Amino acid sequence: MKLLICDDDISTVDVIQSQLDCGELGITRILRAYNGDAAIRIIAGEKPDVILCDIGMPKCSGIDVLKYIHQNHFETEFCFLTCYEDFEYAKAAIRYGACNYITKPFSMEELKMAVQCMISSARKKRESFRMEGQAQRDSVLNNVLRQISDGTTGMTPASVETVLHQNGLSLSARSQWYLVMTCADITDAMQTIWSRELLMYTVGRLHDEALANYIGSAYSMTDYDGRFLRCTVFVPAENCGEEGLLDRCRTMMALCADHISLRPSILVSRAFPLYKAAEIKEEMTGKIPRLRVHTGKIFSMEEIDGSAGEQTGFLDTNQILMYLKRYDRNGCMEYVDFSIRRITASGEYTREVMDDFRRELINIFLSCLRDNGISSRKLFEDAALSGLNASAVLSSAHMLRFADRLFSLTEEALRDLMDTDDIIAKADAYIREHFRENINREDVAAVACITPNYLSKQFRNKKGMNLREYINKIRIDEAKRLLLSTNLPVSEIAGMAGYDNISYFSTVFRKHVGMSPVDWRLEKGGEAFEV
């Protein structure tokens, strides 16, 4: 940090310089000026971070110095030192951005405190500018990488070099990169604290840090398709070999599972020159449907091609889903047993093959749960299933017990879902009929024949808001309808919508709509009737 001290009294400058502890304050250099003209020349050349400046100087006053800083948009912290207590000086100081105003004679403690505050403020501004600059650079690089991978820049070294040069990026079209593509079902995450937008942002930042070893958002691109979130990451090959990248993938997968409730599948490309990114991305994108069924696994391009039959060669997914829909456990177990015996008869029964069979079973039941918006924790947190999972490959009997537990847990979750839908439907119907009354969750729970706590939990899961918020939403919707369809005063409409306190009604209305009931009625073309 550079500090400029400007005062036409040389002894004042000497005292300040000798009394300030530069090491403690983080000051790397002290600059001196004895008039305003000299201060302006130093500011133009040195751009000090903090300035202590006398106001009353001949020829060029401290106000003139501050005005010069303001007009030329220098980022600096400014404090006046003055014998004057005239309010006009204070007004000018504030108008041009001075952050402090100390009258002489001053104590050194007072001055040190002012300098500390200004240095702290300067550091915060510097960090803010650094972050803004990085965000802008990240945005440019990310946008260019996206264009290159989409093929919109052309797919020759020359066309890619042109785009890199136009955007001021010191990269070569022939520089070596990896692409990592991850795919994850977001059903579990969406049932916790995450919104889709926050999840996409967090996943992108996590992928940048874990895979590209970069704190920011320059190298990753996220998008979603239905319930699946996909992230494509550029990783500079010069910073990471193949084995190192696989280690980073494993770390990133663990972080996703532990902190975001995601269990991604990961596909890693071979190294390629940047200008071939569109070709590589297209090839990888074509393998996404196959990647989706391999939850929690890492594949190279060659490995994913070799896995083509793993998830489709043993079981008919539609057959198992049909048994689930009918809650026909015996039929499903007979079908699984038949499938195992078919493998045995073919002479292909090995522990590796049965492990593939086990994984296929898990993915079919997981997909069924997620298709219905049910968290996979129903399976992963079941201790009995965990034990059966570990021993499933030991024999056909073990595999059947594992499949039976999978079916049982999934059936239970589906039945609970149907029960929950019925409960929420009853609660919703009661609320819509009685929202004008002073109802609470105990009243609604009694109608649905469940406990208030269970109702609250299920209501939030289904509606995305708690019971009180939902009742207020219904009431505000009714109030909006009445505001437009009638000429009734707002106070009367509040009562008709279920509010006996107009002040509370106005507060809730503003929270939901962003303006008062009167303003909303005016904006929609109505008249401002008496409250």
Protein backbone atom coordinates (compact mmCIF):
# COMPACT_ATOMS: atom_id res chain seq x y z
CA MET A 1 0.00 0.00 0.00
CA LYS A 2 1.31 3.47 -0.93
CA LEU A 3 0.56 6.43 1.35
CA LEU A 4 0.81 10.04 0.17
CA ILE A 5 1.15 12.78 2.81
CA CYS A 6 0.56 16.29 1.47
CA ASP A 7 0.90 19.40 3.67
CA ASP A 8 2.60 22.76 3.17
CA ASP A 9 3.89 22.44 6.73
CA ILE A 10 6.96 20.19 6.33
CA SER A 11 7.11 19.47 10.08
CA THR A 12 3.59 18.01 9.95
CA VAL A 13 4.66 15.64 7.18
CA ASP A 14 7.79 14.67 9.16
CA VAL A 15 5.80 13.93 12.33
CA ILE A 16 3.21 11.80 10.55
CA GLN A 17 5.88 9.80 8.69
CA SER A 18 7.93 9.19 11.82
CA GLN A 19 4.97 8.18 13.97
CA LEU A 20 3.22 5.74 11.63
CA ASP A 21 4.26 2.08 11.94
CA CYS A 22 4.42 1.15 8.25
CA GLY A 23 4.98 -2.56 8.92
CA GLU A 24 1.99 -2.82 11.23
CA LEU A 25 -0.28 -0.92 8.86
CA GLY A 26 0.89 -2.66 5.70
CA ILE A 27 2.32 0.51 4.13
CA THR A 28 5.09 -0.31 1.66
CA ARG A 29 5.98 3.23 0.63
CA ILE A 30 5.39 6.78 1.90
CA LEU A 31 5.22 9.63 -0.65
CA ARG A 32 5.55 13.30 0.30
CA ALA A 33 4.22 16.53 -1.24
CA TYR A 34 4.24 20.12 0.07
CA ASN A 35 1.65 21.69 -2.21
CA GLY A 36 -1.36 20.67 -4.29
CA ASP A 37 0.42 20.82 -7.66
CA ALA A 38 3.12 18.41 -6.46
CA ALA A 39 0.45 16.10 -5.00
CA ILE A 40 -1.37 15.94 -8.35
CA ARG A 41 1.85 15.06 -10.19
CA ILE A 42 2.59 12.28 -7.68
CA ILE A 43 -0.97 10.94 -7.86
CA ALA A 44 -0.81 10.80 -11.67
CA GLY A 45 2.49 8.90 -11.63
CA GLU A 46 2.35 6.75 -8.50
CA LYS A 47 -1.40 6.20 -7.97
CA PRO A 48 -1.22 6.01 -4.15
CA ASP A 49 -3.79 3.88 -2.31
CA VAL A 50 -4.24 6.25 0.66
CA ILE A 51 -3.87 10.05 0.81
CA LEU A 52 -3.62 12.40 3.81
CA CYS A 53 -3.96 15.94 2.47
CA ASP A 54 -4.13 19.41 3.99
CA ILE A 55 -6.98 21.59 2.70
CA GLY A 56 -5.53 25.09 3.02
CA MET A 57 -2.52 25.21 0.67
CA PRO A 58 -1.49 28.06 -1.64
CA LYS A 59 -2.13 27.96 -5.44
CA CYS A 60 -3.75 24.50 -5.42
CA SER A 61 -5.84 23.56 -2.38
CA GLY A 62 -6.65 20.13 -1.00
CA ILE A 63 -10.15 20.48 -2.46
CA ASP A 64 -8.55 20.94 -5.90
CA VAL A 65 -6.50 17.78 -5.36
CA LEU A 66 -9.58 15.81 -4.37
CA LYS A 67 -11.50 17.24 -7.33
CA TYR A 68 -8.70 16.08 -9.66
CA ILE A 69 -8.89 12.56 -8.19
CA HIS A 70 -12.66 12.52 -8.59
CA GLN A 71 -12.63 13.75 -12.20
CA ASN A 72 -9.97 11.25 -13.27
CA HIS A 73 -11.57 8.29 -11.48
CA PHE A 74 -8.53 7.34 -9.39
CA GLU A 75 -9.31 4.61 -6.87
CA THR A 76 -7.88 5.95 -3.65
CA GLU A 77 -8.88 6.55 -0.02
CA PHE A 78 -8.71 10.26 0.90
CA CYS A 79 -8.60 12.05 4.26
CA PHE A 80 -8.38 15.82 4.82
CA LEU A 81 -6.10 17.36 7.44
CA THR A 82 -7.19 20.91 8.22
CA CYS A 83 -7.33 23.74 10.71
CA TYR A 84 -10.69 24.78 9.23
CA GLU A 85 -14.01 23.73 10.67
CA ASP A 86 -16.06 25.53 8.03
CA PHE A 87 -19.07 23.43 6.96
CA GLU A 88 -18.58 24.40 3.32
CA TYR A 89 -15.25 22.54 3.31
CA ALA A 90 -16.92 19.46 4.75
CA LYS A 91 -19.63 19.58 2.06
CA ALA A 92 -17.02 19.83 -0.70
CA ALA A 93 -15.05 16.96 0.82
CA ILE A 94 -18.11 14.73 0.88
CA ARG A 95 -19.15 15.75 -2.66
CA TYR A 96 -15.81 14.63 -4.11
CA GLY A 97 -15.54 11.43 -2.13
CA ALA A 98 -13.31 12.09 0.89
CA CYS A 99 -13.80 9.33 3.44
CA ASN A 100 -12.54 11.28 6.46
CA TYR A 101 -12.00 14.80 7.75
CA ILE A 102 -9.60 15.43 10.67
CA THR A 103 -9.12 18.86 12.21
CA LYS A 104 -5.79 20.08 13.52
CA PRO A 105 -4.40 19.72 16.07
CA PHE A 106 -5.07 15.98 15.97
CA SER A 107 -3.81 13.12 18.08
CA MET A 108 -1.66 10.45 16.45
CA GLU A 109 -4.05 7.78 17.74
CA GLU A 110 -6.89 9.46 15.89
CA LEU A 111 -4.78 9.64 12.73
CA LYS A 112 -3.59 6.02 13.00
CA MET A 113 -7.18 4.83 13.36
CA ALA A 114 -8.21 6.81 10.27
CA VAL A 115 -5.30 5.39 8.26
CA GLN A 116 -6.15 1.84 9.38
CA CYS A 117 -9.75 2.29 8.26
CA MET A 118 -8.70 3.68 4.88
CA ILE A 119 -6.18 0.87 4.28
CA SER A 120 -8.82 -1.71 5.15
CA SER A 121 -11.27 -0.08 2.75
CA ALA A 122 -8.61 0.09 0.01
CA ARG A 123 -7.86 -3.62 0.41
CA LYS A 124 -11.53 -4.53 0.15
CA LYS A 125 -11.90 -2.44 -3.01
CA ARG A 126 -8.77 -3.96 -4.50
CA GLU A 127 -10.08 -7.48 -3.81
CA SER A 128 -13.45 -6.54 -5.25
CA PHE A 129 -11.83 -5.23 -8.43
CA ARG A 130 -9.69 -8.37 -8.62
CA MET A 131 -12.76 -10.58 -8.31
CA GLU A 132 -14.64 -8.54 -10.91
CA GLY A 133 -11.68 -8.76 -13.26
CA GLN A 134 -11.39 -12.51 -12.77
CA ALA A 135 -15.12 -12.98 -13.31
CA GLN A 136 -14.87 -11.06 -16.57
CA ARG A 137 -11.86 -13.09 -17.73
CA ASP A 138 -13.60 -16.32 -16.72
CA SER A 139 -16.66 -15.33 -18.70
CA VAL A 140 -14.62 -14.61 -21.83
CA LEU A 141 -12.66 -17.87 -21.64
CA ASN A 142 -15.75 -19.93 -20.84
CA ASN A 143 -17.68 -18.39 -23.72
CA VAL A 144 -14.85 -19.05 -26.19
CA LEU A 145 -14.40 -22.66 -25.02
CA ARG A 146 -18.14 -23.18 -25.36
CA GLN A 147 -18.10 -21.80 -28.91
CA ILE A 148 -15.12 -23.96 -29.86
CA SER A 149 -16.76 -27.10 -28.43
CA ASP A 150 -20.02 -26.29 -30.23
CA GLY A 151 -18.14 -25.89 -33.51
CA THR A 152 -19.43 -22.33 -34.12
CA THR A 153 -15.89 -20.95 -34.44
CA GLY A 154 -14.93 -23.39 -37.17
CA MET A 155 -12.98 -26.60 -36.68
CA THR A 156 -9.61 -25.78 -38.21
CA PRO A 157 -6.49 -24.60 -36.37
CA ALA A 158 -6.61 -21.27 -38.23
CA SER A 159 -10.27 -20.49 -37.40
CA VAL A 160 -9.81 -21.36 -33.74
CA GLU A 161 -6.58 -19.31 -33.52
CA THR A 162 -8.48 -16.32 -34.92
CA VAL A 163 -11.16 -16.52 -32.24
CA LEU A 164 -8.59 -16.94 -29.47
CA HIS A 165 -6.66 -13.89 -30.72
CA GLN A 166 -9.81 -11.76 -31.09
CA ASN A 167 -10.70 -12.42 -27.47
CA GLY A 168 -7.21 -11.71 -26.14
CA LEU A 169 -6.56 -15.28 -25.00
CA SER A 170 -2.97 -16.52 -24.99
CA LEU A 171 -3.94 -20.08 -25.91
CA SER A 172 -2.96 -22.10 -28.95
CA ALA A 173 -5.43 -23.97 -31.13
CA ARG A 174 -2.97 -26.89 -31.00
CA SER A 175 -2.60 -26.92 -27.21
CA GLN A 176 -3.52 -30.28 -25.66
CA TRP A 177 -6.68 -30.72 -23.56
CA TYR A 178 -8.93 -33.34 -22.01
CA LEU A 179 -12.70 -33.19 -21.89
CA VAL A 180 -14.46 -34.63 -18.88
CA MET A 181 -18.21 -35.13 -19.13
CA THR A 182 -20.23 -35.95 -16.02
CA CYS A 183 -23.87 -36.94 -15.79
CA ALA A 184 -25.92 -37.12 -12.58
CA ASP A 185 -29.53 -37.65 -11.59
CA ILE A 186 -30.58 -34.57 -9.57
CA THR A 187 -33.67 -36.10 -7.93
CA ASP A 188 -32.00 -36.56 -4.53
CA ALA A 189 -30.37 -33.12 -4.52
CA MET A 190 -33.63 -31.36 -5.44
CA GLN A 191 -35.29 -32.84 -2.37
CA THR A 192 -32.79 -31.13 -0.07
CA ILE A 193 -31.77 -27.45 -0.05
CA TRP A 194 -30.90 -27.11 -3.71
CA SER A 195 -32.70 -25.21 -6.42
CA ARG A 196 -31.82 -26.18 -10.00
CA GLU A 197 -30.03 -22.85 -10.61
CA LEU A 198 -27.97 -23.04 -7.41
CA LEU A 199 -27.14 -26.68 -8.11
CA MET A 200 -25.89 -25.91 -11.63
CA TYR A 201 -23.73 -23.04 -10.33
CA THR A 202 -22.28 -25.13 -7.48
CA VAL A 203 -21.56 -28.14 -9.70
CA GLY A 204 -19.78 -25.92 -12.21
CA ARG A 205 -17.57 -24.32 -9.56
CA LEU A 206 -16.83 -27.71 -7.99
CA HIS A 207 -15.86 -29.21 -11.35
CA ASP A 208 -13.58 -26.26 -12.14
CA GLU A 209 -11.79 -26.61 -8.82
CA ALA A 210 -11.61 -30.41 -8.58
CA LEU A 211 -10.84 -31.22 -12.23
CA ALA A 212 -9.22 -28.13 -13.77
CA ASN A 213 -7.56 -27.11 -10.48
CA TYR A 214 -8.96 -23.60 -10.89
CA ILE A 215 -10.88 -21.44 -8.41
CA GLY A 216 -13.52 -19.81 -10.58
CA SER A 217 -15.89 -20.70 -13.38
CA ALA A 218 -13.85 -20.68 -16.57
CA TYR A 219 -13.59 -24.29 -17.73
CA SER A 220 -16.93 -25.96 -16.98
CA MET A 221 -20.31 -25.79 -18.74
CA THR A 222 -23.46 -27.18 -17.10
CA ASP A 223 -26.88 -27.93 -18.50
CA TYR A 224 -29.74 -30.23 -17.59
CA ASP A 225 -32.08 -32.54 -19.44
CA GLY A 226 -35.15 -33.49 -17.45
CA ARG A 227 -33.86 -34.88 -14.18
CA PHE A 228 -30.25 -35.26 -15.35
CA LEU A 229 -27.57 -32.60 -14.94
CA ARG A 230 -24.59 -32.73 -17.29
CA CYS A 231 -21.31 -30.91 -16.87
CA THR A 232 -18.58 -30.68 -19.52
CA VAL A 233 -15.14 -29.58 -18.32
CA PHE A 234 -12.03 -28.56 -20.27
CA VAL A 235 -8.87 -29.67 -18.49
CA PRO A 236 -5.47 -28.40 -19.76
CA ALA A 237 -3.34 -31.49 -20.43
CA GLU A 238 -0.16 -29.62 -19.48
CA ASN A 239 -1.36 -29.44 -15.87
CA CYS A 240 -2.58 -33.00 -15.51
CA GLY A 241 -1.69 -36.41 -16.95
CA GLU A 242 -4.19 -39.21 -17.44
CA GLU A 243 -3.61 -40.85 -14.06
CA GLY A 244 -3.71 -37.52 -12.26
CA LEU A 245 -6.97 -36.65 -14.00
CA LEU A 246 -8.54 -39.95 -12.95
CA ASP A 247 -7.51 -39.22 -9.34
CA ARG A 248 -9.18 -35.81 -9.61
CA CYS A 249 -12.32 -37.47 -10.99
CA ARG A 250 -12.48 -39.80 -8.01
CA THR A 251 -12.04 -36.86 -5.62
CA MET A 252 -14.73 -34.86 -7.38
CA MET A 253 -17.14 -37.82 -7.30
CA ALA A 254 -16.68 -38.16 -3.53
CA LEU A 255 -17.25 -34.42 -3.02
CA CYS A 256 -20.47 -34.55 -5.05
CA ALA A 257 -21.79 -37.50 -3.03
CA ASP A 258 -20.83 -35.99 0.34
CA HIS A 259 -21.93 -32.39 -0.18
CA ILE A 260 -24.48 -32.18 -3.01
CA SER A 261 -26.32 -35.54 -2.88
CA LEU A 262 -25.17 -36.33 -6.43
CA ARG A 263 -23.65 -39.60 -7.65
CA PRO A 264 -22.31 -38.73 -11.09
CA SER A 265 -21.12 -40.99 -13.86
CA ILE A 266 -17.93 -39.71 -15.50
CA LEU A 267 -16.57 -40.01 -19.02
CA VAL A 268 -12.97 -38.94 -19.74
CA SER A 269 -11.67 -38.25 -23.23
CA ARG A 270 -8.21 -38.92 -24.58
CA ALA A 271 -5.93 -35.87 -24.97
CA PHE A 272 -6.68 -33.79 -28.08
CA PRO A 273 -5.69 -30.45 -29.67
CA LEU A 274 -8.11 -27.64 -28.84
CA TYR A 275 -9.32 -27.19 -32.40
CA LYS A 276 -10.76 -30.74 -32.30
CA ALA A 277 -12.93 -30.03 -29.24
CA ALA A 278 -16.20 -30.01 -31.21
CA GLU A 279 -15.45 -33.43 -32.67
CA ILE A 280 -14.58 -34.90 -29.27
CA LYS A 281 -17.60 -33.34 -27.57
CA GLU A 282 -19.98 -34.69 -30.19
CA GLU A 283 -18.52 -38.16 -29.77
CA MET A 284 -18.85 -37.99 -25.98
CA THR A 285 -22.38 -36.57 -26.08
CA GLY A 286 -23.48 -39.58 -28.11
CA LYS A 287 -22.43 -41.82 -25.22
CA ILE A 288 -24.44 -39.95 -22.55
CA PRO A 289 -27.47 -42.32 -22.66
CA ARG A 290 -25.13 -45.22 -21.93
CA LEU A 291 -23.30 -43.23 -19.26
CA ARG A 292 -26.49 -42.46 -17.33
CA VAL A 293 -27.04 -46.05 -16.28
CA HIS A 294 -23.55 -46.44 -14.78
CA THR A 295 -24.08 -44.38 -11.62
CA GLY A 296 -20.87 -43.65 -9.74
CA LYS A 297 -18.43 -45.05 -12.33
CA ILE A 298 -15.57 -43.51 -14.31
CA PHE A 299 -15.03 -44.49 -17.94
CA SER A 300 -12.58 -43.73 -20.71
CA MET A 301 -14.02 -43.53 -24.22
CA GLU A 302 -12.90 -47.08 -24.94
CA GLU A 303 -14.31 -48.46 -21.68
CA ILE A 304 -17.77 -46.99 -22.18
CA ASP A 305 -17.90 -48.60 -25.64
CA GLY A 306 -16.97 -51.94 -24.08
CA SER A 307 -19.78 -51.64 -21.53
CA ALA A 308 -22.54 -51.58 -24.15
CA GLY A 309 -24.15 -54.83 -23.08
CA GLU A 310 -23.73 -54.52 -19.33
CA GLN A 311 -27.03 -52.93 -18.52
CA THR A 312 -29.24 -54.40 -21.22
CA GLY A 313 -28.07 -58.00 -21.71
CA PHE A 314 -29.63 -59.67 -18.65
CA LEU A 315 -32.98 -58.13 -17.77
CA ASP A 316 -35.96 -56.59 -19.51
CA THR A 317 -36.48 -53.28 -17.71
CA ASN A 318 -40.10 -52.98 -18.83
CA GLN A 319 -40.88 -56.43 -17.44
CA ILE A 320 -39.64 -55.49 -13.97
CA LEU A 321 -41.44 -52.12 -14.09
CA MET A 322 -44.65 -53.95 -14.95
CA TYR A 323 -44.27 -56.15 -11.86
CA LEU A 324 -43.63 -53.04 -9.75
CA LYS A 325 -46.70 -51.32 -11.10
CA ARG A 326 -48.80 -54.36 -10.13
CA TYR A 327 -46.97 -54.79 -6.80
CA ASP A 328 -46.36 -58.37 -7.94
CA ARG A 329 -43.32 -59.40 -5.91
CA ASN A 330 -43.67 -63.13 -6.63
CA GLY A 331 -43.86 -62.55 -10.38
CA CYS A 332 -40.77 -60.31 -10.26
CA MET A 333 -38.78 -62.87 -8.23
CA GLU A 334 -39.75 -65.62 -10.65
CA TYR A 335 -38.55 -63.48 -13.53
CA VAL A 336 -35.23 -62.67 -11.78
CA ASP A 337 -34.74 -66.35 -10.94
CA PHE A 338 -35.44 -67.30 -14.57
CA SER A 339 -32.87 -64.71 -15.74
CA ILE A 340 -30.21 -66.07 -13.39
CA ARG A 341 -30.86 -69.66 -14.51
CA ARG A 342 -30.59 -68.54 -18.13
CA ILE A 343 -27.13 -67.10 -17.43
CA THR A 344 -26.11 -70.30 -15.66
CA ALA A 345 -27.31 -72.45 -18.57
CA SER A 346 -25.27 -70.38 -21.00
CA GLY A 347 -22.08 -71.22 -19.11
CA GLU A 348 -21.34 -67.51 -18.47
CA TYR A 349 -22.02 -67.54 -14.72
CA THR A 350 -19.03 -65.85 -13.11
CA ARG A 351 -18.72 -63.45 -10.21
CA GLU A 352 -17.95 -60.61 -12.63
CA VAL A 353 -21.07 -61.33 -14.69
CA MET A 354 -23.24 -61.48 -11.56
CA ASP A 355 -21.79 -58.19 -10.38
CA ASP A 356 -22.99 -56.66 -13.67
CA PHE A 357 -26.38 -58.33 -13.08
CA ARG A 358 -26.54 -56.84 -9.57
CA ARG A 359 -25.67 -53.37 -10.86
CA GLU A 360 -28.35 -53.62 -13.54
CA LEU A 361 -30.97 -54.55 -10.94
CA ILE A 362 -30.01 -51.55 -8.79
CA ASN A 363 -30.25 -49.13 -11.71
CA ILE A 364 -33.70 -50.37 -12.76
CA PHE A 365 -35.13 -49.87 -9.27
CA LEU A 366 -33.29 -46.56 -8.78
CA SER A 367 -34.67 -45.26 -12.06
CA CYS A 368 -38.18 -46.21 -10.99
CA LEU A 369 -37.80 -44.29 -7.72
CA ARG A 370 -36.33 -41.24 -9.40
CA ASP A 371 -38.96 -41.24 -12.14
CA ASN A 372 -41.48 -40.81 -9.33
CA GLY A 373 -39.45 -38.10 -7.58
CA ILE A 374 -38.47 -40.38 -4.67
CA SER A 375 -35.03 -40.00 -3.10
CA SER A 376 -32.62 -42.91 -3.63
CA ARG A 377 -31.75 -42.67 0.06
CA LYS A 378 -34.64 -45.10 0.50
CA LEU A 379 -32.27 -47.74 -0.89
CA PHE A 380 -28.80 -46.50 0.02
CA GLU A 381 -29.58 -45.96 3.70
CA ASP A 382 -31.20 -49.37 4.26
CA ALA A 383 -28.85 -51.46 6.40
CA ALA A 384 -30.40 -54.79 5.35
CA LEU A 385 -30.03 -53.99 1.65
CA SER A 386 -26.43 -52.89 2.21
CA GLY A 387 -25.58 -56.28 3.69
CA LEU A 388 -27.37 -58.16 0.91
CA ASN A 389 -25.64 -55.99 -1.70
CA ALA A 390 -22.22 -57.08 -0.41
CA SER A 391 -23.07 -60.77 -0.68
CA ALA A 392 -25.36 -60.76 -3.75
CA VAL A 393 -22.71 -62.19 -6.12
CA LEU A 394 -21.97 -65.22 -3.95
CA SER A 395 -24.83 -67.37 -5.27
CA SER A 396 -28.15 -67.25 -7.06
CA ALA A 397 -29.91 -67.54 -3.68
CA HIS A 398 -28.06 -64.49 -2.38
CA MET A 399 -28.94 -62.58 -5.55
CA LEU A 400 -32.63 -63.45 -5.16
CA ARG A 401 -32.65 -62.23 -1.56
CA PHE A 402 -31.01 -59.00 -2.74
CA ALA A 403 -33.61 -58.56 -5.52
CA ASP A 404 -36.44 -59.29 -3.07
CA ARG A 405 -35.24 -56.55 -0.71
CA LEU A 406 -34.92 -54.10 -3.61
CA PHE A 407 -38.49 -54.85 -4.66
CA SER A 408 -39.80 -54.55 -1.10
CA LEU A 409 -38.21 -51.16 -0.47
CA THR A 410 -39.30 -49.76 -3.83
CA GLU A 411 -42.86 -51.04 -3.42
CA GLU A 412 -43.04 -49.47 0.04
CA ALA A 413 -41.83 -46.12 -1.31
CA LEU A 414 -44.36 -46.20 -4.18
CA ARG A 415 -47.24 -47.04 -1.84
CA ASP A 416 -46.17 -44.21 0.51
CA LEU A 417 -46.15 -41.87 -2.47
CA MET A 418 -49.72 -42.80 -3.38
CA ASP A 419 -50.80 -42.35 0.23
CA THR A 420 -49.06 -38.98 0.35
CA ASP A 421 -50.77 -37.80 -2.82
CA ASP A 422 -54.15 -38.66 -1.30
CA ILE A 423 -53.25 -36.86 1.93
CA ILE A 424 -52.10 -33.71 0.13
CA ALA A 425 -55.21 -33.74 -2.09
CA LYS A 426 -57.46 -33.84 1.01
CA ALA A 427 -55.47 -31.06 2.68
CA ASP A 428 -55.56 -28.93 -0.46
CA ALA A 429 -59.32 -29.33 -0.85
CA TYR A 430 -59.92 -28.36 2.80
CA ILE A 431 -57.67 -25.29 2.55
CA ARG A 432 -59.40 -24.03 -0.61
CA GLU A 433 -62.80 -24.43 1.04
CA HIS A 434 -61.89 -22.87 4.40
CA PHE A 435 -59.04 -20.40 3.67
CA ARG A 436 -61.26 -17.43 4.67
CA GLU A 437 -61.46 -18.86 8.20
CA ASN A 438 -58.78 -18.79 10.88
CA ILE A 439 -57.43 -22.26 10.05
CA ASN A 440 -54.08 -23.71 11.13
CA ARG A 441 -52.09 -26.87 10.46
CA GLU A 442 -53.81 -28.73 13.31
CA ASP A 443 -57.18 -28.17 11.61
CA VAL A 444 -55.86 -29.37 8.25
CA ALA A 445 -54.05 -32.38 9.77
CA ALA A 446 -57.24 -33.49 11.52
CA VAL A 447 -59.06 -33.61 8.17
CA ALA A 448 -56.24 -35.65 6.60
CA CYS A 449 -56.09 -37.94 9.68
CA ILE A 450 -52.34 -37.52 10.23
CA THR A 451 -50.11 -35.67 12.68
CA PRO A 452 -49.39 -31.96 12.06
CA ASN A 453 -45.63 -32.61 11.82
CA TYR A 454 -46.04 -35.34 9.19
CA LEU A 455 -48.45 -33.13 7.25
CA SER A 456 -45.97 -30.23 7.27
CA LYS A 457 -43.14 -32.42 6.01
CA GLN A 458 -45.17 -34.00 3.21
CA PHE A 459 -46.75 -30.68 2.25
CA ARG A 460 -43.38 -29.02 1.83
CA ASN A 461 -42.09 -31.96 -0.23
CA LYS A 462 -45.08 -31.81 -2.58
CA LYS A 463 -45.86 -28.09 -2.76
CA GLY A 464 -42.40 -26.61 -2.23
CA MET A 465 -43.64 -24.38 0.61
CA ASN A 466 -44.92 -24.78 4.13
CA LEU A 467 -48.60 -24.88 5.04
CA ARG A 468 -48.83 -21.26 6.20
CA GLU A 469 -47.17 -20.01 3.02
CA TYR A 470 -49.63 -22.02 0.94
CA ILE A 471 -52.66 -20.68 2.81
CA ASN A 472 -51.37 -17.14 2.32
CA LYS A 473 -50.84 -17.83 -1.38
CA ILE A 474 -54.47 -18.96 -1.77
CA ARG A 475 -55.68 -15.91 0.15
CA ILE A 476 -53.57 -13.47 -1.87
CA ASP A 477 -54.76 -15.05 -5.12
CA GLU A 478 -58.34 -14.47 -3.98
CA ALA A 479 -57.53 -10.88 -2.97
CA LYS A 480 -56.02 -10.18 -6.40
CA ARG A 481 -59.14 -11.54 -8.06
CA LEU A 482 -61.38 -9.30 -5.95
CA LEU A 483 -59.19 -6.23 -6.50
CA LEU A 484 -59.72 -6.56 -10.23
CA SER A 485 -63.32 -7.76 -10.34
CA THR A 486 -64.87 -5.41 -7.76
CA ASN A 487 -64.77 -1.78 -6.61
CA LEU A 488 -64.69 -2.82 -2.96
CA PRO A 489 -62.31 -1.03 -0.55
CA VAL A 490 -59.07 -2.83 0.26
CA SER A 491 -60.11 -3.27 3.91
CA GLU A 492 -63.23 -5.17 2.89
CA ILE A 493 -61.31 -7.31 0.39
CA ALA A 494 -58.80 -8.18 3.13
CA GLY A 495 -61.63 -9.58 5.27
CA MET A 496 -63.12 -11.52 2.35
CA ALA A 497 -59.69 -13.08 1.69
CA GLY A 498 -59.35 -14.25 5.29
CA TYR A 499 -57.43 -11.38 6.96
CA ASP A 500 -58.98 -9.51 9.89
CA ASN A 501 -56.00 -7.12 10.11
CA ILE A 502 -55.52 -4.86 7.10
CA SER A 503 -51.94 -3.98 8.09
CA TYR A 504 -50.96 -7.67 8.17
CA PHE A 505 -52.81 -8.23 4.90
CA SER A 506 -50.84 -5.40 3.24
CA THR A 507 -47.57 -6.83 4.55
CA VAL A 508 -48.31 -10.33 3.22
CA PHE A 509 -49.59 -8.94 -0.09
CA ARG A 510 -46.42 -6.90 -0.59
CA LYS A 511 -44.25 -9.94 0.22
CA HIS A 512 -46.02 -12.06 -2.40
CA VAL A 513 -46.58 -9.44 -5.10
CA GLY A 514 -43.84 -6.85 -4.55
CA MET A 515 -46.18 -3.87 -4.04
CA SER A 516 -49.16 -2.76 -1.96
CA PRO A 517 -52.73 -3.85 -2.85
CA VAL A 518 -53.62 -0.29 -3.90
CA ASP A 519 -50.57 0.02 -6.17
CA TRP A 520 -51.21 -3.40 -7.69
CA ARG A 521 -54.82 -2.48 -8.47
CA LEU A 522 -53.66 0.75 -10.14
CA GLU A 523 -50.97 -1.03 -12.16
CA LYS A 524 -53.51 -3.53 -13.48
CA GLY A 525 -55.76 -0.75 -14.72
CA GLY A 526 -58.12 -0.35 -11.79
CA GLU A 527 -58.87 2.70 -9.67
CA ALA A 528 -57.49 3.55 -6.25
CA PHE A 529 -60.61 3.21 -4.08
CA GLU A 530 -60.67 4.10 -0.42
CA VAL A 531 -59.02 1.72 1.95
